[in-house]
Amino acid sequence: MKIKVLFLLVITILTAAGATIDTAQIDQLTGLKGKLNEKEGAYKISFTREDVTVFVDGWKIPAFMGLSTWAAFTKATHVKPWSWVTPFY
């Protein structure tokens, strides 16, 4: 579910050409608290993947040891909304 929300959020953010990063909206839509990297102009959210089971040498790796997913958002710079989408004909 969170992956679908992240995808929809990415589309929403990318279509807001020239808009600033609305960190509050990202937090609200994902239910996660992100971190702004002012140097890179990116806002990053991440969450632990409790739904993934990974074994190494027969030992189950706990999710807190790095099994996570993240997404980073930056200010949109393109002029035409949806210009990055290739139409299917």
Foldseek 3Di string as FASTA:
>chain_A
DLVVLVVVVQLVQQQPAQDQDPQVVVCVSNVFHWDADVVVQKTKTKDFDPPDWDDDPNRTDDSVVPRMDMDIDHHHHDDHRPPVDDDDD
